[in-house]
Amino acid sequence: MGGVVGKSESPETKLEAKMVEAMQQRASKGTTIKSFNSIILKFPKIDHTLRKCKTIFEQFDEDSNGAIDHEELKKCLHKLQVCFTEEEIEDLFKACDMNEDMGIKFNEFIVLLCLVYLLKDNATEFEAKSRMGVPNLEATFETLVDAFVLLDKNKDGYVSKTEMVQAINESGERSSGPIATKRFEEMDWDKNGSVSFKEFLFAFTTWVGIEEVGDNDEHR
């Protein structure tokens, strides 16, 4: 279903439906980000803040095997005082376990935290600064949400290739078509022609240089 327009996407799970709804509500408030170039300029600061999450990741990775399993995730959410149903936790785990190895790696954990932030944003349950010890984390997640809102021109909760091209064009990039196509392909993990917020986050961790936990993830 190649999705020429890229907008035939429909939520596969209740959790994804909630994410789309939350993003649409967020999009109605607008974005402070003016162009794709301004997102790129924020890469170093975002990278620095997200890498500080490694300490949090290690705290919840109780058996120190480099991945957070289902039970460890439940404990993590409980400690953050975020309430999800068993079904939502299962959906969240599956959504972020992109390589389906039954464990949440570091880059997947960052995506998970940002999804939790989006879902719990208007409930003010996610107080990243006080509960997680990373002062700029909440602001960084808000920047990522803002960036997606900038790309999602028609505010349907997904980004199409056409919208990506438009965003790059607005940045004044030369050869914007090829650049937009490359960026879109990097985001469209399931190759269905539209990009969810989750897919955008996974691409973003790659763009700023965050992969799985490794020796090169020390503080810069």
Protein backbone atom coordinates (compact mmCIF):
# COMPACT_ATOMS: atom_id res chain seq x y z
CA MET A 1 0.00 0.00 0.00
CA GLY A 2 2.70 2.47 -1.00
CA GLY A 3 0.50 5.45 -0.12
CA VAL A 4 1.19 7.96 -2.89
CA VAL A 5 -0.26 10.76 -0.82
CA GLY A 6 0.84 9.12 2.42
CA LYS A 7 -2.32 9.96 4.31
CA SER A 8 -4.22 6.69 4.27
CA GLU A 9 -2.61 5.79 7.58
CA SER A 10 -4.86 4.76 10.44
CA PRO A 11 -3.83 3.93 14.03
CA GLU A 12 -2.98 0.27 14.54
CA THR A 13 -3.45 0.29 18.31
CA LYS A 14 -5.41 2.21 20.91
CA LEU A 15 -2.11 3.68 22.08
CA GLU A 16 -1.28 5.00 18.61
CA ALA A 17 -4.77 6.45 18.33
CA LYS A 18 -4.14 8.29 21.62
CA MET A 19 -0.80 9.56 20.31
CA VAL A 20 -2.42 10.88 17.14
CA GLU A 21 -5.17 12.57 19.16
CA ALA A 22 -2.64 14.10 21.57
CA MET A 23 -0.53 15.36 18.68
CA GLN A 24 -3.56 16.89 16.95
CA GLN A 25 -4.50 18.68 20.17
CA ARG A 26 -0.93 19.89 20.52
CA ALA A 27 -0.85 21.02 16.87
CA SER A 28 -3.91 23.21 17.44
CA LYS A 29 -1.72 25.37 19.71
CA GLY A 30 0.80 25.99 16.92
CA THR A 31 4.60 25.75 17.02
CA THR A 32 7.38 28.13 17.98
CA ILE A 33 9.74 26.55 15.42
CA LYS A 34 9.84 28.50 12.16
CA SER A 35 11.82 26.24 9.82
CA PHE A 36 13.49 22.85 9.44
CA ASN A 37 16.86 24.61 9.54
CA SER A 38 16.11 25.88 13.03
CA ILE A 39 15.49 22.27 14.10
CA ILE A 40 18.91 21.27 12.75
CA LEU A 41 20.55 24.10 14.70
CA LYS A 42 19.12 22.61 17.89
CA PHE A 43 20.68 19.16 17.27
CA PRO A 44 23.78 19.63 19.53
CA LYS A 45 21.76 20.86 22.52
CA ILE A 46 19.13 18.13 22.07
CA ASP A 47 21.86 15.49 21.74
CA HIS A 48 23.54 16.69 24.93
CA THR A 49 20.31 16.60 26.94
CA LEU A 50 19.13 13.22 25.65
CA ARG A 51 22.47 11.58 26.44
CA LYS A 52 21.96 12.52 30.07
CA CYS A 53 19.04 10.08 30.05
CA LYS A 54 21.59 7.27 30.11
CA THR A 55 21.78 7.51 33.90
CA ILE A 56 18.00 7.11 34.10
CA PHE A 57 18.13 4.19 31.68
CA GLU A 58 20.76 2.41 33.75
CA GLN A 59 18.73 2.99 36.89
CA PHE A 60 15.73 1.12 35.44
CA ASP A 61 17.83 -1.53 33.70
CA GLU A 62 18.02 -3.47 36.96
CA ASP A 63 19.86 -6.51 35.58
CA SER A 64 22.31 -4.28 33.64
CA ASN A 65 21.88 -6.22 30.40
CA GLY A 66 21.60 -3.11 28.24
CA ALA A 67 17.84 -3.35 27.78
CA ILE A 68 14.68 -2.69 29.78
CA ASP A 69 12.31 -5.63 29.79
CA HIS A 70 8.55 -5.60 30.30
CA GLU A 71 8.69 -5.83 34.10
CA GLU A 72 11.38 -3.18 34.35
CA LEU A 73 9.25 -0.89 32.20
CA LYS A 74 6.28 -1.31 34.54
CA LYS A 75 8.50 -0.37 37.49
CA CYS A 76 9.83 2.61 35.53
CA LEU A 77 6.36 3.97 34.79
CA HIS A 78 5.30 3.37 38.40
CA LYS A 79 8.30 5.32 39.70
CA LEU A 80 7.49 8.16 37.32
CA GLN A 81 3.94 8.06 38.74
CA VAL A 82 2.49 7.66 35.25
CA CYS A 83 -0.63 5.53 35.09
CA PHE A 84 -1.13 3.23 32.12
CA THR A 85 -3.34 0.18 31.74
CA GLU A 86 -1.73 -3.22 31.16
CA GLU A 87 -2.82 -3.01 27.52
CA GLU A 88 -1.26 0.43 27.12
CA ILE A 89 2.00 -0.72 28.71
CA GLU A 90 2.07 -3.70 26.34
CA ASP A 91 1.37 -1.43 23.36
CA LEU A 92 4.02 1.05 24.53
CA PHE A 93 6.59 -1.72 24.90
CA LYS A 94 5.86 -3.15 21.45
CA ALA A 95 5.83 0.29 19.87
CA CYS A 96 9.30 1.16 21.19
CA ASP A 97 10.90 -2.27 20.80
CA MET A 98 11.60 -1.54 17.15
CA ASN A 99 13.94 -4.49 16.56
CA GLU A 100 11.54 -6.82 18.40
CA ASP A 101 14.19 -8.34 20.67
CA MET A 102 11.95 -8.10 23.76
CA GLY A 103 14.01 -5.32 25.28
CA ILE A 104 14.05 -1.51 25.18
CA LYS A 105 17.53 -0.26 24.23
CA PHE A 106 18.77 3.22 25.11
CA ASN A 107 17.62 4.96 21.92
CA GLU A 108 14.26 3.19 22.21
CA PHE A 109 14.01 4.33 25.84
CA ILE A 110 14.39 7.98 24.79
CA VAL A 111 11.56 7.53 22.30
CA LEU A 112 9.44 5.89 24.99
CA LEU A 113 9.98 8.76 27.45
CA CYS A 114 9.01 11.32 24.82
CA LEU A 115 5.85 9.38 23.94
CA VAL A 116 4.95 9.28 27.63
CA TYR A 117 5.56 13.03 27.79
CA LEU A 118 3.21 13.61 24.85
CA LEU A 119 0.48 11.35 26.19
CA LYS A 120 0.60 12.81 29.69
CA ASP A 121 1.33 16.41 28.71
CA ASN A 122 -2.04 17.98 29.48
CA ALA A 123 -2.51 15.83 32.57
CA THR A 124 0.66 17.36 34.08
CA GLU A 125 1.64 13.91 35.31
CA PHE A 126 5.03 13.97 33.65
CA GLU A 127 7.27 16.28 35.64
CA ALA A 128 10.58 15.39 34.08
CA LYS A 129 12.65 18.02 35.82
CA SER A 130 11.86 16.94 39.36
CA ARG A 131 11.41 13.19 38.91
CA MET A 132 14.19 12.40 36.48
CA GLY A 133 17.00 14.75 37.37
CA VAL A 134 17.54 16.04 33.81
CA PRO A 135 16.69 19.76 33.99
CA ASN A 136 16.21 20.40 30.27
CA LEU A 137 14.51 17.13 29.39
CA GLU A 138 10.96 18.45 29.44
CA ALA A 139 11.93 21.42 27.26
CA THR A 140 13.76 19.09 24.88
CA PHE A 141 10.72 16.86 24.50
CA GLU A 142 8.61 19.96 23.86
CA THR A 143 11.05 20.96 21.10
CA LEU A 144 10.65 17.53 19.49
CA VAL A 145 6.85 17.84 19.63
CA ASP A 146 7.14 21.35 18.17
CA ALA A 147 9.33 20.04 15.35
CA PHE A 148 6.77 17.40 14.41
CA VAL A 149 3.98 19.98 14.49
CA LEU A 150 6.00 22.12 12.05
CA LEU A 151 6.22 19.19 9.60
CA ASP A 152 2.61 18.04 10.00
CA LYS A 153 1.11 20.80 7.89
CA ASN A 154 -2.46 19.46 7.75
CA LYS A 155 -2.40 18.52 11.46
CA ASP A 156 -3.67 14.95 11.03
CA GLY A 157 -1.03 13.45 13.33
CA TYR A 158 1.19 12.11 10.52
CA VAL A 159 3.81 13.56 8.16
CA SER A 160 3.62 12.84 4.44
CA LYS A 161 6.42 13.12 1.89
CA THR A 162 4.64 16.16 0.41
CA GLU A 163 4.67 17.86 3.81
CA MET A 164 8.36 17.05 4.27
CA VAL A 165 9.18 18.57 0.88
CA GLN A 166 7.18 21.67 1.80
CA ALA A 167 9.06 22.05 5.10
CA ILE A 168 12.45 21.76 3.39
CA ASN A 169 11.37 24.19 0.66
CA GLU A 170 10.37 26.73 3.30
CA SER A 171 13.89 26.47 4.71
CA GLY A 172 15.23 27.80 1.41
CA GLU A 173 17.35 24.71 0.77
CA ARG A 174 18.69 24.21 -2.73
CA SER A 175 18.03 20.73 -4.12
CA SER A 176 15.25 20.55 -1.54
CA GLY A 177 13.52 17.65 -3.31
CA PRO A 178 16.35 15.10 -2.91
CA ILE A 179 17.08 16.31 0.64
CA ALA A 180 13.42 16.00 1.66
CA THR A 181 13.14 12.57 0.05
CA LYS A 182 16.20 11.32 1.94
CA ARG A 183 14.97 12.70 5.26
CA PHE A 184 11.52 11.25 4.69
CA GLU A 185 12.90 7.80 3.86
CA GLU A 186 14.93 7.94 7.08
CA MET A 187 11.73 8.61 9.02
CA ASP A 188 9.33 6.24 7.24
CA TRP A 189 10.49 3.04 8.95
CA ASP A 190 7.61 0.87 7.81
CA LYS A 191 7.65 2.33 4.27
CA ASN A 192 3.90 2.97 4.19
CA GLY A 193 4.12 6.54 2.94
CA SER A 194 3.37 8.36 6.20
CA VAL A 195 5.38 9.05 9.33
CA SER A 196 4.03 8.80 12.87
CA PHE A 197 5.47 10.74 15.80
CA LYS A 198 7.12 7.53 16.99
CA GLU A 199 8.89 7.04 13.64
CA PHE A 200 9.94 10.69 13.67
CA LEU A 201 11.50 10.26 17.12
CA PHE A 202 13.47 7.17 16.09
CA ALA A 203 14.83 9.03 13.07
CA PHE A 204 15.67 12.02 15.25
CA THR A 205 17.77 9.94 17.66
CA THR A 206 19.72 8.74 14.62
CA TRP A 207 20.13 12.26 13.23
CA VAL A 208 21.66 13.56 16.47
CA GLY A 209 23.90 10.49 16.72
CA ILE A 210 22.26 8.46 19.46
CA GLU A 211 22.20 4.73 18.85
CA GLU A 212 22.12 1.94 21.40
CA VAL A 213 24.10 2.34 24.61
CA GLY A 214 27.79 2.15 23.88
CA ASP A 215 31.20 3.35 24.96
CA ASN A 216 30.83 6.49 22.86
CA ASP A 217 27.77 7.65 24.76
CA GLU A 218 29.71 9.29 27.56
CA HIS A 219 29.13 12.95 28.36
CA ARG A 220 30.52 15.22 25.68
